[in-house]
Amino acid sequence: LIPDGDTFKDYIFPFIETFTATLAGAASAFYLFLRQERVIAGRKNVAVANQVMFIVHAAIQDLVRVKADYLERITSDPVQRALDMHPQLSALKRISLPIHDLIFLVAKEGKVPLSARDHVNLLRIEVLGNNFNSLCDFLDKRATVDDEIRSHLMKGAESARINIKREEFLALIPPNLLAGWLDLTEHCLGFIDDLIIELQ
């Protein structure tokens, strides 16, 4: 005796069951894949944020080191301030911030395009890095002018004296060179203070 076949039970139900199981497996695999991608992206974002924080922290420490070198000896006399700022101790290394990797700080899901405020936050980080590098350029230029000042002192002085009177010093240095040196010094001193405040 052969039982009557049920088309739904024998053919349609197994197909629907297999299709549903496959669809559920594909959906769970897709969800796990997306979750894994988010975790990987999150780890990369944390690494980039740590790298930027480390670079900025090192820059702040360099600025504080430079300021600490001349802070206790600072006077109201611009010539003495310039003499107290040693170019060897005020050398800084340029920094490079990975701005293009910081987009995750402002980009949120479903928020396209970014608002003007979000762009300003990224631009501010970029400007801080550029300002620090500009200070490095100013300090390098000041070191070059400082070498010229000291070579004029060595040529004009009778002996390699450490103590020299202000009048003698001013007489040995060409006025245009002195003015540029003092201007660069004052600019660097103000720039260092501004950057220490901005970077914190």
Protein backbone atom coordinates (compact mmCIF):
# COMPACT_ATOMS: atom_id res chain seq x y z
CA LEU A 1 0.00 0.00 0.00
CA ILE A 2 1.36 3.43 -1.03
CA PRO A 3 0.15 6.37 1.09
CA ASP A 4 -1.27 9.38 -0.71
CA GLY A 5 1.48 12.01 -1.19
CA ASP A 6 1.05 15.46 0.25
CA THR A 7 2.55 18.00 -2.19
CA PHE A 8 3.01 20.71 0.45
CA LYS A 9 4.51 18.31 3.00
CA ASP A 10 6.74 16.46 0.57
CA TYR A 11 7.89 19.26 -1.76
CA ILE A 12 6.99 22.80 -0.75
CA PHE A 13 7.70 22.65 3.00
CA PRO A 14 11.26 21.20 2.63
CA PHE A 15 12.04 23.87 0.03
CA ILE A 16 10.70 26.69 2.25
CA GLU A 17 12.55 25.28 5.27
CA THR A 18 15.85 25.08 3.36
CA PHE A 19 15.36 28.54 1.82
CA THR A 20 14.50 30.08 5.22
CA ALA A 21 17.51 28.45 6.91
CA THR A 22 19.79 29.65 4.09
CA LEU A 23 18.34 33.16 4.26
CA ALA A 24 18.74 33.27 8.05
CA GLY A 25 22.34 32.02 7.74
CA ALA A 26 23.12 34.63 5.08
CA ALA A 27 21.56 37.40 7.18
CA SER A 28 23.50 36.39 10.29
CA ALA A 29 26.74 36.10 8.27
CA PHE A 30 26.13 39.57 6.79
CA TYR A 31 25.44 41.00 10.27
CA LEU A 32 28.60 39.41 11.69
CA PHE A 33 30.61 40.67 8.72
CA LEU A 34 29.36 44.24 9.25
CA ARG A 35 30.02 44.00 12.98
CA GLN A 36 33.55 42.73 12.35
CA GLU A 37 34.17 45.61 9.91
CA ARG A 38 32.93 48.11 12.52
CA VAL A 39 35.25 46.59 15.13
CA ILE A 40 38.23 46.79 12.75
CA ALA A 41 37.35 50.38 11.83
CA GLY A 42 36.94 51.22 15.52
CA ARG A 43 40.38 49.81 16.32
CA LYS A 44 41.90 51.84 13.48
CA ASN A 45 40.14 54.98 14.71
CA VAL A 46 41.45 54.45 18.24
CA ALA A 47 44.97 53.93 16.89
CA VAL A 48 44.76 57.15 14.82
CA ALA A 49 43.35 59.12 17.77
CA ASN A 50 46.15 57.80 20.02
CA GLN A 51 48.75 58.71 17.40
CA VAL A 52 47.41 62.27 17.11
CA MET A 53 47.24 62.64 20.91
CA PHE A 54 50.82 61.41 21.21
CA ILE A 55 52.05 63.86 18.52
CA VAL A 56 50.21 66.80 20.11
CA HIS A 57 51.42 65.86 23.61
CA ALA A 58 55.03 65.67 22.37
CA ALA A 59 54.60 69.07 20.67
CA ILE A 60 53.29 70.60 23.91
CA GLN A 61 56.23 69.12 25.85
CA ASP A 62 58.68 70.57 23.31
CA LEU A 63 57.08 74.01 23.60
CA VAL A 64 57.14 73.88 27.40
CA ARG A 65 60.81 72.78 27.28
CA VAL A 66 61.71 75.74 25.07
CA LYS A 67 59.77 78.17 27.26
CA ALA A 68 61.30 76.76 30.46
CA ASP A 69 64.77 77.47 29.06
CA TYR A 70 64.27 81.24 28.94
CA LEU A 71 61.33 81.81 31.32
CA GLU A 72 63.34 82.51 34.51
CA ARG A 73 65.70 84.93 32.77
CA ILE A 74 63.10 86.94 30.86
CA THR A 75 63.35 90.71 31.22
CA SER A 76 61.68 93.78 29.77
CA ASP A 77 64.77 94.49 27.64
CA PRO A 78 64.20 93.05 24.11
CA VAL A 79 67.93 92.69 23.43
CA GLN A 80 68.45 90.71 26.64
CA ARG A 81 65.38 88.57 25.83
CA ALA A 82 66.86 87.78 22.43
CA LEU A 83 70.22 86.90 23.97
CA ASP A 84 68.57 84.64 26.55
CA MET A 85 66.76 82.58 23.91
CA HIS A 86 69.39 80.04 22.84
CA PRO A 87 68.82 78.69 19.32
CA GLN A 88 70.23 75.24 20.13
CA LEU A 89 67.74 74.75 22.96
CA SER A 90 64.80 76.18 21.01
CA ALA A 91 65.01 73.85 18.02
CA LEU A 92 61.78 71.95 17.35
CA LYS A 93 60.91 69.03 15.07
CA ARG A 94 58.09 69.53 12.58
CA ILE A 95 54.95 67.45 13.07
CA SER A 96 52.63 65.73 10.63
CA LEU A 97 49.03 65.08 11.67
CA PRO A 98 47.00 62.49 9.71
CA ILE A 99 44.03 64.80 9.12
CA HIS A 100 42.45 62.58 6.43
CA ASP A 101 42.26 59.71 8.95
CA LEU A 102 40.44 61.87 11.51
CA ILE A 103 37.20 62.10 9.52
CA PHE A 104 35.64 59.59 11.92
CA LEU A 105 35.66 62.30 14.61
CA VAL A 106 32.94 64.21 12.79
CA ALA A 107 31.31 61.73 10.39
CA LYS A 108 28.35 59.93 11.88
CA GLU A 109 26.14 57.32 10.26
CA GLY A 110 23.40 58.87 8.17
CA LYS A 111 24.93 62.34 8.51
CA VAL A 112 25.97 63.27 5.00
CA PRO A 113 27.07 65.86 4.08
CA LEU A 114 29.04 67.02 7.08
CA SER A 115 27.98 70.29 8.63
CA ALA A 116 30.12 73.42 8.51
CA ARG A 117 30.85 73.02 12.24
CA ASP A 118 32.27 69.52 11.62
CA HIS A 119 34.57 70.88 8.93
CA VAL A 120 35.71 73.65 11.29
CA ASN A 121 36.75 71.06 13.90
CA LEU A 122 38.94 69.23 11.38
CA LEU A 123 40.33 72.49 10.02
CA ARG A 124 41.20 73.61 13.55
CA ILE A 125 43.29 70.48 14.10
CA GLU A 126 45.01 71.01 10.76
CA VAL A 127 45.67 74.69 11.51
CA LEU A 128 47.21 73.80 14.89
CA GLY A 129 49.64 71.44 13.15
CA ASN A 130 50.44 74.05 10.51
CA ASN A 131 50.96 76.74 13.17
CA PHE A 132 53.41 74.49 15.03
CA ASN A 133 55.33 73.88 11.80
CA SER A 134 55.33 77.63 11.08
CA LEU A 135 56.87 78.19 14.50
CA CYS A 136 59.56 75.64 13.59
CA ASP A 137 60.30 77.67 10.46
CA PHE A 138 60.47 80.91 12.46
CA LEU A 139 62.83 79.32 15.01
CA ASP A 140 65.05 77.98 12.22
CA LYS A 141 65.19 81.45 10.63
CA ARG A 142 65.90 83.01 14.00
CA ALA A 143 68.75 80.52 14.58
CA THR A 144 70.27 81.53 11.22
CA VAL A 145 70.06 85.23 12.13
CA ASP A 146 71.41 84.44 15.60
CA ASP A 147 74.48 82.83 13.99
CA GLU A 148 75.02 85.99 11.94
CA ILE A 149 74.73 88.12 15.10
CA ARG A 150 77.29 85.99 16.91
CA SER A 151 79.68 86.03 13.94
CA HIS A 152 79.50 89.87 13.94
CA LEU A 153 80.28 89.81 17.65
CA MET A 154 83.29 87.53 17.13
CA LYS A 155 84.64 89.71 14.32
CA GLY A 156 84.14 92.99 16.14
CA ALA A 157 85.14 92.02 19.65
CA GLU A 158 88.78 92.27 20.71
CA SER A 159 88.57 88.95 22.50
CA ALA A 160 86.02 86.20 22.91
CA ARG A 161 84.50 87.79 25.98
CA ILE A 162 81.24 86.50 27.42
CA ASN A 163 80.35 89.79 29.10
CA ILE A 164 79.94 92.67 26.72
CA LYS A 165 78.43 96.06 27.41
CA ARG A 166 75.12 96.89 25.79
CA GLU A 167 76.59 99.88 23.94
CA GLU A 168 79.39 97.75 22.49
CA PHE A 169 76.92 95.08 21.47
CA LEU A 170 74.65 97.56 19.68
CA ALA A 171 77.65 99.16 17.95
CA LEU A 172 78.90 95.82 16.58
CA ILE A 173 75.59 94.66 15.06
CA PRO A 174 74.18 96.24 11.86
CA PRO A 175 70.84 97.95 12.70
CA ASN A 176 68.80 96.08 10.06
CA LEU A 177 70.15 92.71 11.27
CA LEU A 178 69.46 93.66 14.88
CA ALA A 179 65.91 94.78 14.09
CA GLY A 180 65.14 91.54 12.23
CA TRP A 181 66.63 89.44 15.03
CA LEU A 182 64.62 91.25 17.73
CA ASP A 183 61.43 91.05 15.66
CA LEU A 184 61.86 87.30 15.06
CA THR A 185 62.57 86.76 18.75
CA GLU A 186 59.46 88.63 19.89
CA HIS A 187 57.35 86.86 17.28
CA CYS A 188 58.66 83.45 18.42
CA LEU A 189 58.09 84.22 22.10
CA GLY A 190 54.47 85.21 21.46
CA PHE A 191 53.92 82.29 19.08
CA ILE A 192 55.19 79.79 21.68
CA ASP A 193 52.79 81.13 24.32
CA ASP A 194 49.85 81.08 21.90
CA LEU A 195 50.56 77.53 20.78
CA ILE A 196 50.91 76.19 24.32
CA ILE A 197 47.44 77.57 25.07
CA GLU A 198 45.93 76.36 21.76
CA LEU A 199 47.32 72.83 21.93
CA GLN A 200 46.04 72.15 25.45
